[in-house]
Amino acid sequence: MESGLLANIAILVLAGFVGFTVISKVPNTLHTPLMSGTNAIHGIVLLGGLIVLGHLENPSVVDSIILVVAIVFGMINVIGGFLVTDRMLGMFKPRPEPVKRDTDGKG
């Protein structure tokens, strides 16, 4: 039991290092597509959490709390990711032309 837990912790730590290394090397121009892909992945995680929560016949209180917290955090991540993506894409939209005023004084 302890060796399995130690192996899972080692995998988690190594995945964290690999993820940090990969993300830190992404150029700025690719952050928007990367954010969109991450939103899609978290949407799948949300769907999985909802399915698991719905299929548990007699969930314990701890299981229910963990699932609800995971769903809430996933939803916050998805909504925040879409807001950031929309804001980043808004930077590439052309700005509207300013309204020109008559300066001849005739109204």
Protein backbone atom coordinates (compact mmCIF):
# COMPACT_ATOMS: atom_id res chain seq x y z
CA MET A 1 0.00 0.00 0.00
CA GLU A 2 2.73 2.46 0.93
CA SER A 3 4.78 1.74 -2.20
CA GLY A 4 1.72 2.47 -4.39
CA LEU A 5 1.12 5.77 -2.59
CA LEU A 6 4.80 6.69 -2.92
CA ALA A 7 4.73 5.87 -6.65
CA ASN A 8 1.60 8.02 -7.14
CA ILE A 9 3.20 10.96 -5.30
CA ALA A 10 6.37 10.59 -7.39
CA ILE A 11 4.29 10.62 -10.60
CA LEU A 12 2.41 13.71 -9.40
CA VAL A 13 5.64 15.57 -8.63
CA LEU A 14 7.25 14.58 -11.93
CA ALA A 15 4.11 15.59 -13.85
CA GLY A 16 4.21 18.96 -12.12
CA PHE A 17 7.83 19.52 -13.16
CA VAL A 18 7.16 18.43 -16.74
CA GLY A 19 4.03 20.58 -16.96
CA PHE A 20 5.86 23.65 -15.64
CA THR A 21 8.74 23.11 -18.06
CA VAL A 22 6.44 22.66 -21.07
CA ILE A 23 4.18 25.63 -20.28
CA SER A 24 7.07 27.99 -19.54
CA LYS A 25 8.46 27.41 -23.05
CA VAL A 26 5.20 28.29 -24.85
CA PRO A 27 5.52 31.54 -26.85
CA ASN A 28 3.05 34.33 -26.13
CA THR A 29 1.31 33.91 -29.49
CA LEU A 30 0.22 30.39 -28.54
CA HIS A 31 -1.29 31.18 -25.13
CA THR A 32 -4.82 31.75 -26.51
CA PRO A 33 -5.05 28.37 -28.32
CA LEU A 34 -3.48 26.67 -25.31
CA MET A 35 -6.08 28.27 -23.02
CA SER A 36 -8.89 27.11 -25.31
CA GLY A 37 -7.57 23.56 -25.25
CA THR A 38 -7.30 23.66 -21.48
CA ASN A 39 -10.91 24.85 -21.26
CA ALA A 40 -12.00 21.86 -23.34
CA ILE A 41 -10.11 19.47 -21.06
CA HIS A 42 -11.65 21.00 -17.94
CA GLY A 43 -15.08 20.75 -19.54
CA ILE A 44 -14.53 17.01 -19.86
CA VAL A 45 -13.41 16.87 -16.22
CA LEU A 46 -16.60 18.68 -15.19
CA LEU A 47 -18.74 16.27 -17.16
CA GLY A 48 -16.94 13.31 -15.58
CA GLY A 49 -17.45 14.72 -12.09
CA LEU A 50 -21.15 15.24 -12.72
CA ILE A 51 -21.52 11.69 -14.09
CA VAL A 52 -19.69 10.18 -11.11
CA LEU A 53 -21.76 12.24 -8.68
CA GLY A 54 -24.96 11.09 -10.38
CA HIS A 55 -24.03 7.40 -10.49
CA LEU A 56 -22.98 6.94 -6.86
CA GLU A 57 -25.70 4.99 -5.12
CA ASN A 58 -24.80 5.58 -1.48
CA PRO A 59 -22.04 8.21 -1.43
CA SER A 60 -20.47 9.12 1.85
CA VAL A 61 -20.47 12.73 2.95
CA VAL A 62 -16.73 12.99 2.25
CA ASP A 63 -17.16 11.64 -1.30
CA SER A 64 -19.98 14.09 -2.00
CA ILE A 65 -18.02 17.05 -0.63
CA ILE A 66 -14.91 16.19 -2.63
CA LEU A 67 -16.92 15.78 -5.85
CA VAL A 68 -18.82 19.04 -5.35
CA VAL A 69 -15.61 20.95 -4.56
CA ALA A 70 -13.94 19.47 -7.66
CA ILE A 71 -16.93 20.45 -9.82
CA VAL A 72 -16.97 24.00 -8.41
CA PHE A 73 -13.23 24.48 -8.91
CA GLY A 74 -13.45 23.05 -12.43
CA MET A 75 -16.33 25.40 -13.28
CA ILE A 76 -14.42 28.40 -11.94
CA ASN A 77 -11.44 27.37 -14.06
CA VAL A 78 -13.54 26.95 -17.22
CA ILE A 79 -15.37 30.27 -16.81
CA GLY A 80 -12.16 32.13 -15.97
CA GLY A 81 -10.38 30.54 -18.91
CA PHE A 82 -13.10 31.60 -21.33
CA LEU A 83 -13.06 35.15 -19.94
CA VAL A 84 -9.28 35.36 -20.32
CA THR A 85 -9.45 33.88 -23.84
CA ASP A 86 -12.16 36.36 -24.84
CA ARG A 87 -10.13 39.25 -23.48
CA MET A 88 -7.00 38.09 -25.29
CA LEU A 89 -8.88 37.69 -28.56
CA GLY A 90 -10.38 41.15 -28.04
CA MET A 91 -6.89 42.62 -28.27
CA PHE A 92 -6.75 41.56 -31.92
CA LYS A 93 -10.04 43.19 -32.93
CA PRO A 94 -9.78 46.48 -34.79
CA ARG A 95 -10.68 49.52 -32.75
CA PRO A 96 -13.73 51.50 -33.83
CA GLU A 97 -13.12 54.77 -35.62
CA PRO A 98 -13.50 57.80 -33.36
CA VAL A 99 -16.51 60.01 -34.03
CA LYS A 100 -15.49 63.20 -35.82
CA ARG A 101 -17.10 66.42 -34.62
CA ASP A 102 -17.82 69.47 -36.68
CA THR A 103 -15.48 72.17 -35.57
CA ASP A 104 -16.91 74.94 -37.77
CA GLY A 105 -19.40 75.97 -35.07
CA LYS A 106 -22.52 75.73 -37.27
CA GLY A 107 -24.09 72.98 -35.20
